[in-house]
Structure formats: structure tokens, C-alpha cells
């Protein structure tokens, strides 16, 4: 890896360690303070909505100035978000919408910045391998962060939550300082060509189903934003055990990510999606009929494998598809379209969850099973990828 790639990975590791230490326990913090899943769901719903808005604003900023600005604003606002949580302390659960707005805005700026940076700093042939290494790093911090945070919280109870949030704040500031050494974007500044991307999406056969796939993935991911952590806590009823279990889940995520980086080549990717989806669906069924520590743990293990393989695999597929677009791949516009589609799925999912929780609570787990079931369509979308599409474009260029 180049120096800039290593630096980007280091900053992402700081961000990842901070968010895994505090993000998991923020979910439990809200649950413990309110004892209502609707508080968590409202927080995540507003987060997704404002994440979409700030992602688009970050894209505009990235095109007009530099993608690093969006990246840095995201890290800075995330630090501000946890500072607000520290100041509010036990009043945090009374303002799920307020903190959700700040959290979503920060996340949108950050993820736009890093995804465009990955596209710019990593060439196309090695991008999938880089993303596998990135997921492996996230797996390591997912192992260390929650276990350490769980130990602190088990000793200090609610005071421990604020200490964990304070440590995360320091890590965000470290990542922000390191970001000033990333290379600047020296390419000519351009407007945001969203209309042009939409026009190409309606004409090119590969593009339209790929965006629909992000909606499908978002429907499942919306629930995964808060539900697994609460499920685990409801089963073990102890923050330290929740943190310690992250060692197991983090190890599995690291192994799955390393496997992806080394063995999940392009021709194998659709079958990887299919196999992981079948495992995911079959792991969810026993939990619905009998929820205990074993069924929950099995499901969460498969969940880690899915996060490490399905999301990264589909993201790599998207990068290949958008490569055929003009205007340098319309990379920033494609990220906005992806995030919009993803958040449409997330918002539909969480809104449906809130309605079911209020009016038909007994159907929640069946809805969760449905969200996983429709992920099988990602295999159908990826299996129709055509190499000829790229070949035809190259012929046209040389003419």
C-alpha cells in the first residue's frame, strides 16, 4: 500500500475504534435510559434521514472544493456529537431526534469523504483487496473497542458510559489531525452532475438494478443499526458480557474480511453473496421461534460474516459498474445516488419497524426475517454483470 493509503486506513481505524467503543453502547445507553425500542428507532431514523441530506451537501462541497473537507467536517461533527452526549448525560434519551440530527449529519459528511478518497487513492484492480483490509482493520477495532468499553461500564455503570464517550472524543480529534496529511484533490473543480447520472442510469442496463440493490441492502441494514445490540443485551443482561462477546464477533469479522481480500475474486463474488445470504436467512429462523443465548449468538456470528462480505462485495461491484460512466466515472454523483438509495431502504425499514412495534409487536421478528429474505435479490443483480459492456465502451473510445 502507498503512504496515502496507509494514512487513510489509520484515520479510518481511529474513527472505527471510537465508533465501535461508543456506538454499540450508545444504543444500550438509550435503551437503559428509556427502556423503549422506539427511542432507539427514532434516533436511527433521524440519523439516516439527515445522513442522506449531509451526504449530498458533502458531495457538492467535494466537487466545488475538496473531498478532504467533507471528510474532516464529518470527523469534527462526530466529535461534537459525542461531546453533546457527554454534556446531556442521562437527559440524552429525552432528545433522540436532536442527537440523531447531529449524528446523521456527521456520518453523511464522513462517509462521502472516505468513499470518494478510496475511489481516488486506490486503483480499480486493487480496490477490492484494499476494502477487505479495511474491513479486517474494522474487525480488529470491533474486537478491542467494545470489550474495553464493556469492562469500563461494568465497573462504573452509567458513569462508565461518559468515560467511554470521552475516550472516543480523543480518538476523533486524533483522526482529524492526521487527515491534514492526506493528499489534496488537484483536479479541476466541477458542478454536481446528478441529472447527468440519472440520465445514464435510465439508459444503461447495469446501472438501474444496481441502485435498486442498494435499497434492498438498506432495508436490512436499517434494522441492523440498533436491533442486534439490543437483542444481545436482552439475552445476557450485562454490558461487560456484551463487550466481551465482541472478541468473538470481531475475530470472525477479521477472518471473513481477510478471506475476502485474498480469495473473493470477481468471478466468485455472486456466489459469495448467495451462500452468505442463505446462511443469514437460515440463522434467523431459529431465533424467531425460540430466542435464547444460543440462537442469538449464532445469528450474530452470521451477521458479522454478512457485514464483512456482502456489503464490501456489493460495493466493489458498484465501483466496477460506475467505471463505464463519463466525467471521470461521475464518482461523487454515484456516491450520492448510492447513499440516497441505501437510506431510502433504511428509512422504509425503520419506519415499518416503529409502526409494527406500536401496533403489531408480535410481527417484528417476521419482518426482520423478510428483510433478510429479500437480500437474495442481490445475487440476481450481481449475476447479470456483463463484461461486454466495458469492452464495447473501449471500442468506441478507440474509434
Protein backbone atom coordinates (compact mmCIF):
# COMPACT_ATOMS: atom_id res chain seq x y z
CA UNK A 1 0.00 0.00 0.00
CA UNK A 2 1.11 3.57 -0.66
CA UNK A 3 1.77 6.11 2.10
CA UNK A 4 -1.56 7.88 1.49
CA UNK A 5 -3.47 4.57 1.59
CA UNK A 6 -1.83 3.63 4.90
CA UNK A 7 -2.66 7.08 6.31
CA UNK A 8 -6.28 6.78 5.18
CA UNK A 9 -6.51 3.34 6.77
CA UNK A 10 -5.01 4.69 10.03
CA UNK A 11 -7.55 7.55 10.20
CA UNK A 12 -10.37 5.12 9.46
CA UNK A 13 -9.05 2.88 12.24
CA UNK A 14 -9.18 5.78 14.73
CA UNK A 15 -12.72 6.58 13.60
CA UNK A 16 -13.68 2.91 13.72
CA UNK A 17 -12.25 2.32 17.20
CA UNK A 18 -14.05 5.39 18.54
CA UNK A 19 -17.38 4.47 16.95
CA UNK A 20 -17.22 0.79 17.96
CA UNK A 21 -16.37 1.73 21.55
CA UNK A 22 -19.17 4.24 21.81
CA UNK A 23 -21.67 3.40 19.06
CA UNK A 24 -22.66 0.00 20.42
CA UNK A 25 -23.02 1.30 23.95
CA UNK A 26 -24.85 4.43 22.83
CA UNK A 27 -27.59 2.07 21.63
CA UNK A 28 -27.62 0.33 25.01
CA UNK A 29 -27.38 3.69 26.80
CA UNK A 30 -30.57 4.89 25.11
CA UNK A 31 -32.23 1.54 25.82
CA UNK A 32 -31.30 1.60 29.51
CA UNK A 33 -32.38 5.22 29.99
CA UNK A 34 -35.75 4.84 28.23
CA UNK A 35 -36.44 1.07 28.15
CA UNK A 36 -38.23 1.72 24.85
CA UNK A 37 -37.09 0.45 21.46
CA UNK A 38 -38.93 3.36 19.83
CA UNK A 39 -36.32 5.72 21.33
CA UNK A 40 -33.54 3.81 19.54
CA UNK A 41 -35.60 3.55 16.37
CA UNK A 42 -36.42 7.29 16.36
CA UNK A 43 -32.74 8.13 16.85
CA UNK A 44 -31.64 5.87 13.99
CA UNK A 45 -34.48 7.07 11.72
CA UNK A 46 -33.45 10.73 12.04
CA UNK A 47 -29.79 9.71 11.68
CA UNK A 48 -30.48 8.05 8.33
CA UNK A 49 -32.58 10.95 7.01
CA UNK A 50 -30.06 13.67 7.84
CA UNK A 51 -27.25 11.38 6.74
CA UNK A 52 -28.72 11.46 3.24
CA UNK A 53 -29.00 15.26 3.26
CA UNK A 54 -25.46 15.87 4.53
CA UNK A 55 -24.08 13.25 2.13
CA UNK A 56 -25.43 15.30 -0.79
CA UNK A 57 -24.10 18.55 0.71
CA UNK A 58 -20.72 16.86 1.27
CA UNK A 59 -20.74 15.80 -2.38
CA UNK A 60 -21.35 19.36 -3.50
CA UNK A 61 -18.53 20.58 -1.25
CA UNK A 62 -16.28 17.81 -2.56
CA UNK A 63 -16.87 18.81 -6.18
CA UNK A 64 -16.52 22.56 -5.56
CA UNK A 65 -13.51 22.41 -3.24
CA UNK A 66 -12.01 19.11 -1.99
CA UNK A 67 -13.30 15.75 -0.73
CA UNK A 68 -10.99 16.10 2.28
CA UNK A 69 -13.14 18.98 3.57
CA UNK A 70 -16.20 16.73 3.72
CA UNK A 71 -14.09 14.04 5.42
CA UNK A 72 -12.79 16.48 8.04
CA UNK A 73 -16.21 18.05 8.70
CA UNK A 74 -17.58 14.55 9.30
CA UNK A 75 -14.92 13.69 11.88
CA UNK A 76 -15.29 17.08 13.60
CA UNK A 77 -19.09 16.86 13.82
CA UNK A 78 -18.88 13.29 15.16
CA UNK A 79 -16.62 14.57 17.94
CA UNK A 80 -19.15 17.34 18.62
CA UNK A 81 -21.95 14.76 18.73
CA UNK A 82 -20.27 12.75 21.50
CA UNK A 83 -19.42 15.95 23.35
CA UNK A 84 -23.16 16.75 23.35
CA UNK A 85 -23.97 13.25 24.67
CA UNK A 86 -21.43 13.75 27.47
CA UNK A 87 -22.97 17.11 28.39
CA UNK A 88 -26.56 15.81 28.32
CA UNK A 89 -25.67 12.63 30.29
CA UNK A 90 -28.90 10.95 31.48
CA UNK A 91 -31.04 13.51 29.64
CA UNK A 92 -29.78 12.10 26.32
CA UNK A 93 -32.76 9.75 25.89
CA UNK A 94 -35.14 12.75 26.11
CA UNK A 95 -33.68 14.18 22.87
CA UNK A 96 -33.31 11.26 20.42
CA UNK A 97 -34.28 13.49 17.46
CA UNK A 98 -31.78 16.22 18.35
CA UNK A 99 -28.81 13.90 18.74
CA UNK A 100 -29.95 11.95 15.70
CA UNK A 101 -29.78 15.09 13.54
CA UNK A 102 -26.18 15.77 14.60
CA UNK A 103 -25.14 12.12 14.31
CA UNK A 104 -26.66 11.75 10.84
CA UNK A 105 -25.14 14.99 9.58
CA UNK A 106 -21.70 13.94 10.81
CA UNK A 107 -21.97 10.45 9.34
CA UNK A 108 -23.08 11.74 5.93
CA UNK A 109 -20.10 14.08 5.58
CA UNK A 110 -17.65 11.43 6.81
CA UNK A 111 -18.78 8.56 4.60
CA UNK A 112 -18.96 10.70 1.48
CA UNK A 113 -15.40 11.85 2.14
CA UNK A 114 -13.89 8.43 2.77
CA UNK A 115 -15.68 6.68 -0.10
CA UNK A 116 -14.50 9.27 -2.62
CA UNK A 117 -10.99 9.11 -1.11
CA UNK A 118 -10.96 5.31 -1.53
CA UNK A 119 -12.01 5.75 -5.15
CA UNK A 120 -9.29 8.38 -5.75
CA UNK A 121 -6.37 6.90 -3.78
CA UNK A 122 -6.82 3.21 -4.62
CA UNK A 123 -6.70 1.98 -8.23
CA UNK A 124 -9.50 -0.20 -9.58
CA UNK A 125 -7.68 -3.60 -9.67
CA UNK A 126 -6.61 -3.41 -6.00
CA UNK A 127 -9.69 -1.65 -4.60
CA UNK A 128 -11.49 -4.83 -3.53
CA UNK A 129 -8.36 -6.04 -1.70
CA UNK A 130 -7.94 -2.64 -0.01
CA UNK A 131 -11.56 -2.74 1.17
CA UNK A 132 -11.00 -6.25 2.50
CA UNK A 133 -8.04 -4.96 4.54
CA UNK A 134 -10.17 -2.03 5.67
CA UNK A 135 -12.85 -4.43 6.92
CA UNK A 136 -10.16 -6.51 8.65
CA UNK A 137 -8.96 -3.38 10.49
CA UNK A 138 -12.55 -2.66 11.45
CA UNK A 139 -12.84 -6.23 12.68
CA UNK A 140 -9.81 -5.73 14.95
CA UNK A 141 -11.17 -2.50 16.43
CA UNK A 142 -14.59 -4.15 16.72
CA UNK A 143 -12.88 -6.75 18.88
CA UNK A 144 -10.88 -4.38 21.08
CA UNK A 145 -13.25 -1.41 21.40
CA UNK A 146 -16.48 -2.94 22.77
CA UNK A 147 -14.61 -5.32 25.10
CA UNK A 148 -12.64 -2.44 26.64
CA UNK A 149 -15.74 -0.22 26.81
CA UNK A 150 -17.80 -3.04 28.34
CA UNK A 151 -15.19 -3.54 31.06
CA UNK A 152 -15.23 0.18 31.96
CA UNK A 153 -19.03 0.33 32.02
CA UNK A 154 -19.32 -2.84 34.13
CA UNK A 155 -17.13 -1.17 36.79
CA UNK A 156 -18.61 2.35 36.71
CA UNK A 157 -22.18 1.75 35.44
CA UNK A 158 -23.71 4.90 33.86
CA UNK A 159 -20.59 6.96 34.72
CA UNK A 160 -18.63 4.48 32.61
CA UNK A 161 -20.67 5.40 29.55
CA UNK A 162 -19.49 9.01 29.80
CA UNK A 163 -15.88 7.91 30.24
CA UNK A 164 -16.14 5.75 27.10
CA UNK A 165 -17.65 8.65 25.15
CA UNK A 166 -14.79 10.90 26.35
CA UNK A 167 -12.13 8.44 25.15
CA UNK A 168 -13.88 8.27 21.79
CA UNK A 169 -13.76 12.06 21.61
CA UNK A 170 -9.95 11.96 21.88
CA UNK A 171 -9.73 9.40 19.06
CA UNK A 172 -11.88 11.56 16.78
CA UNK A 173 -9.57 14.53 17.37
CA UNK A 174 -6.55 12.31 16.57
CA UNK A 175 -8.14 11.25 13.27
CA UNK A 176 -8.94 14.87 12.44
CA UNK A 177 -5.32 15.96 12.97
CA UNK A 178 -3.98 13.07 10.82
CA UNK A 179 -6.37 13.97 7.98
CA UNK A 180 -4.40 17.16 7.23
CA UNK A 181 -1.60 14.98 5.77
CA UNK A 182 -3.84 13.40 3.12
CA UNK A 183 -3.13 14.49 -0.50
CA UNK A 184 -5.27 17.31 -1.86
CA UNK A 185 -7.50 16.97 -4.91
CA UNK A 186 -5.79 18.97 -7.66
CA UNK A 187 -8.27 18.12 -10.44
CA UNK A 188 -10.41 20.93 -11.98
CA UNK A 189 -13.49 21.78 -9.91
CA UNK A 190 -16.85 20.89 -11.43
CA UNK A 191 -20.54 21.12 -10.56
CA UNK A 192 -22.53 18.13 -9.30
CA UNK A 193 -23.88 16.24 -12.34
CA UNK A 194 -26.76 14.39 -10.64
CA UNK A 195 -29.11 14.91 -13.60
CA UNK A 196 -26.49 13.52 -15.97
CA UNK A 197 -26.06 10.44 -13.76
CA UNK A 198 -29.85 9.95 -13.63
CA UNK A 199 -29.98 10.12 -17.45
CA UNK A 200 -27.28 7.46 -17.79
CA UNK A 201 -28.99 5.30 -15.15
CA UNK A 202 -32.16 5.18 -17.24
CA UNK A 203 -30.22 4.19 -20.38
CA UNK A 204 -27.59 1.71 -19.16
CA UNK A 205 -28.85 -1.76 -18.31
CA UNK A 206 -26.34 -2.39 -15.50
CA UNK A 207 -27.00 0.80 -13.55
CA UNK A 208 -30.70 0.75 -12.67
CA UNK A 209 -30.77 -2.69 -10.95
CA UNK A 210 -27.54 -1.83 -9.11
CA UNK A 211 -29.23 1.20 -7.44
CA UNK A 212 -32.27 -0.94 -6.57
CA UNK A 213 -29.86 -3.37 -4.89
CA UNK A 214 -28.76 -0.62 -2.51
CA UNK A 215 -32.40 -0.08 -1.47
CA UNK A 216 -32.68 -3.82 -0.78
CA UNK A 217 -29.48 -3.80 1.27
CA UNK A 218 -30.67 -0.70 3.15
CA UNK A 219 -33.94 -2.39 4.20
CA UNK A 220 -31.95 -4.97 6.16
CA UNK A 221 -29.21 -2.60 7.32
CA UNK A 222 -31.74 -0.17 8.81
CA UNK A 223 -32.69 -2.76 11.40
CA UNK A 224 -29.08 -3.82 11.93
CA UNK A 225 -28.28 -0.26 13.04
CA UNK A 226 -29.68 -0.91 16.52
CA UNK A 227 -31.52 -4.23 16.80
CA UNK A 228 -28.63 -6.78 17.21
CA UNK A 229 -27.05 -4.89 20.15
CA UNK A 230 -30.38 -4.69 21.98
CA UNK A 231 -31.07 -8.38 21.25
CA UNK A 232 -27.73 -9.35 22.75
CA UNK A 233 -28.22 -7.17 25.83
CA UNK A 234 -31.75 -8.56 26.35
CA UNK A 235 -30.22 -12.05 26.28
CA UNK A 236 -27.15 -11.61 28.52
CA UNK A 237 -28.35 -8.53 30.52
CA UNK A 238 -24.80 -7.34 31.17
CA UNK A 239 -22.71 -4.71 29.37
CA UNK A 240 -19.43 -6.47 30.18
CA UNK A 241 -20.65 -9.69 28.52
CA UNK A 242 -21.82 -7.65 25.54
CA UNK A 243 -18.33 -6.16 25.29
CA UNK A 244 -16.54 -9.49 25.76
CA UNK A 245 -18.70 -11.14 23.09
CA UNK A 246 -17.27 -8.59 20.66
CA UNK A 247 -13.96 -10.50 20.83
CA UNK A 248 -15.70 -13.47 19.22
CA UNK A 249 -17.63 -11.38 16.71
CA UNK A 250 -14.62 -9.20 15.88
CA UNK A 251 -12.39 -12.26 15.27
CA UNK A 252 -14.97 -13.70 12.90
CA UNK A 253 -15.23 -10.36 11.05
CA UNK A 254 -11.42 -10.18 10.70
CA UNK A 255 -11.19 -13.73 9.30
CA UNK A 256 -14.07 -13.11 6.89
CA UNK A 257 -12.50 -9.83 5.72
CA UNK A 258 -9.09 -11.42 5.19
CA UNK A 259 -10.74 -14.22 3.21
CA UNK A 260 -12.46 -11.60 1.06
CA UNK A 261 -9.21 -9.74 0.49
CA UNK A 262 -7.34 -12.87 -0.63
CA UNK A 263 -9.89 -15.22 -2.18
CA UNK A 264 -13.13 -13.40 -3.05
CA UNK A 265 -12.22 -12.66 -6.65
CA UNK A 266 -14.59 -11.06 -9.13
CA UNK A 267 -15.89 -14.32 -10.63
CA UNK A 268 -16.61 -15.71 -7.16
CA UNK A 269 -18.43 -12.65 -5.76
CA UNK A 270 -22.03 -13.51 -6.85
CA UNK A 271 -21.72 -16.98 -5.29
CA UNK A 272 -20.33 -15.44 -2.10
CA UNK A 273 -23.45 -13.25 -1.90
CA UNK A 274 -25.70 -16.29 -2.45
CA UNK A 275 -24.02 -18.53 0.16
CA UNK A 276 -23.84 -15.82 2.84
CA UNK A 277 -27.48 -14.87 2.20
CA UNK A 278 -28.61 -18.50 2.67
CA UNK A 279 -26.60 -18.77 5.90
CA UNK A 280 -28.06 -15.46 7.13
CA UNK A 281 -31.65 -16.47 6.42
CA UNK A 282 -31.28 -19.93 8.00
CA UNK A 283 -29.61 -18.42 11.10
CA UNK A 284 -32.53 -16.02 11.60
CA UNK A 285 -35.27 -18.69 11.53
CA UNK A 286 -34.44 -20.47 14.86
CA UNK A 287 -34.16 -17.12 16.66
CA UNK A 288 -37.72 -16.23 15.64
CA UNK A 289 -39.22 -19.41 17.04
CA UNK A 290 -37.10 -19.64 20.18
CA UNK A 291 -34.91 -16.72 21.25
CA UNK A 292 -32.19 -17.76 23.69
CA UNK A 293 -28.48 -17.13 24.09
CA UNK A 294 -27.54 -19.82 21.54
CA UNK A 295 -29.90 -18.79 18.76
CA UNK A 296 -28.99 -15.12 19.25
CA UNK A 297 -25.24 -15.87 19.23
CA UNK A 298 -25.48 -18.00 16.09
CA UNK A 299 -27.41 -15.26 14.35
CA UNK A 300 -24.91 -12.56 15.43
CA UNK A 301 -21.96 -14.67 14.20
CA UNK A 302 -23.53 -14.99 10.76
CA UNK A 303 -24.41 -11.28 10.94
CA UNK A 304 -20.70 -10.43 11.29
CA UNK A 305 -19.84 -12.62 8.29
CA UNK A 306 -22.57 -10.93 6.27
CA UNK A 307 -21.39 -7.41 7.18
CA UNK A 308 -17.82 -8.30 6.25
CA UNK A 309 -18.65 -9.98 2.94
CA UNK A 310 -21.98 -8.87 1.47
CA UNK A 311 -21.62 -5.10 1.89
CA UNK A 312 -18.00 -4.95 0.70
CA UNK A 313 -18.65 -7.33 -2.20
CA UNK A 314 -21.60 -5.31 -3.44
CA UNK A 315 -19.66 -2.06 -3.01
CA UNK A 316 -16.84 -3.47 -5.16
CA UNK A 317 -19.44 -4.46 -7.77
CA UNK A 318 -20.78 -0.90 -7.79
CA UNK A 319 -17.29 0.54 -8.41
CA UNK A 320 -16.92 -1.73 -11.45
CA UNK A 321 -20.30 -0.69 -12.84
CA UNK A 322 -19.74 3.07 -12.48
CA UNK A 323 -16.33 2.81 -14.12
CA UNK A 324 -18.01 2.95 -17.56
CA UNK A 325 -19.58 6.36 -16.86
CA UNK A 326 -18.13 9.58 -18.34
CA UNK A 327 -16.87 12.61 -16.40
CA UNK A 328 -14.21 10.63 -14.51
CA UNK A 329 -16.79 7.99 -13.62
CA UNK A 330 -19.16 10.55 -12.05
CA UNK A 331 -17.70 9.13 -8.86
CA UNK A 332 -19.09 11.71 -6.41
CA UNK A 333 -22.53 11.70 -8.03
CA UNK A 334 -22.55 7.90 -7.87
CA UNK A 335 -21.78 8.00 -4.14
CA UNK A 336 -24.72 10.37 -3.62
CA UNK A 337 -27.03 8.11 -5.62
CA UNK A 338 -25.82 5.07 -3.68
CA UNK A 339 -26.31 6.72 -0.31
CA UNK A 340 -29.75 8.01 -1.30
CA UNK A 341 -30.86 4.54 -2.41
CA UNK A 342 -29.35 2.96 0.71
CA UNK A 343 -31.08 5.43 3.02
CA UNK A 344 -34.41 5.04 1.24
CA UNK A 345 -34.21 1.37 2.21
CA UNK A 346 -33.11 2.22 5.76
CA UNK A 347 -35.89 4.78 6.27
CA UNK A 348 -38.57 2.39 4.94
CA UNK A 349 -37.23 -0.33 7.20
CA UNK A 350 -37.05 1.67 10.44
CA UNK A 351 -40.42 3.38 9.82
CA UNK A 352 -42.02 -0.04 9.31
CA UNK A 353 -40.34 -1.28 12.50
CA UNK A 354 -41.73 1.63 14.55
CA UNK A 355 -45.25 1.06 13.21
CA UNK A 356 -45.07 -2.67 13.92
CA UNK A 357 -43.68 -2.05 17.40
CA UNK A 358 -46.57 0.29 18.19
CA UNK A 359 -49.43 -1.68 16.58
CA UNK A 360 -48.36 -5.29 15.93
CA UNK A 361 -45.35 -6.09 18.10
CA UNK A 362 -45.69 -9.85 17.52
CA UNK A 363 -44.78 -9.37 13.82
CA UNK A 364 -41.41 -7.65 14.41
CA UNK A 365 -39.26 -10.77 14.08
CA UNK A 366 -41.15 -11.91 10.98
CA UNK A 367 -40.48 -8.53 9.41
CA UNK A 368 -36.79 -8.93 10.28
CA UNK A 369 -36.84 -12.33 8.52
CA UNK A 370 -38.46 -10.73 5.46
CA UNK A 371 -35.77 -8.01 5.36
CA UNK A 372 -33.09 -10.71 5.24
CA UNK A 373 -35.02 -12.83 2.73
CA UNK A 374 -35.17 -10.13 0.03
CA UNK A 375 -31.39 -9.73 0.18
CA UNK A 376 -31.28 -12.78 -2.07
CA UNK A 377 -32.10 -10.41 -4.93
CA UNK A 378 -28.54 -9.03 -4.66
CA UNK A 379 -27.28 -12.35 -6.09
CA UNK A 380 -29.67 -11.97 -9.03
CA UNK A 381 -28.43 -8.43 -9.69
CA UNK A 382 -24.72 -9.29 -9.48
CA UNK A 383 -25.00 -12.47 -11.54
CA UNK A 384 -26.17 -10.44 -14.58
CA UNK A 385 -22.96 -8.36 -14.72
CA UNK A 386 -21.65 -8.24 -18.30
CA UNK A 387 -18.01 -7.81 -19.26
CA UNK A 388 -19.11 -6.95 -22.82
CA UNK A 389 -20.48 -3.63 -21.55
CA UNK A 390 -16.97 -2.40 -20.77
CA UNK A 391 -15.49 -3.91 -23.95
CA UNK A 392 -17.97 -2.04 -26.16
CA UNK A 393 -17.06 1.25 -24.45
CA UNK A 394 -13.37 0.69 -25.09
CA UNK A 395 -14.01 0.00 -28.78
CA UNK A 396 -15.95 3.26 -29.08
CA UNK A 397 -13.07 5.19 -27.49
CA UNK A 398 -10.50 3.91 -29.97
CA UNK A 399 -12.75 4.70 -32.91
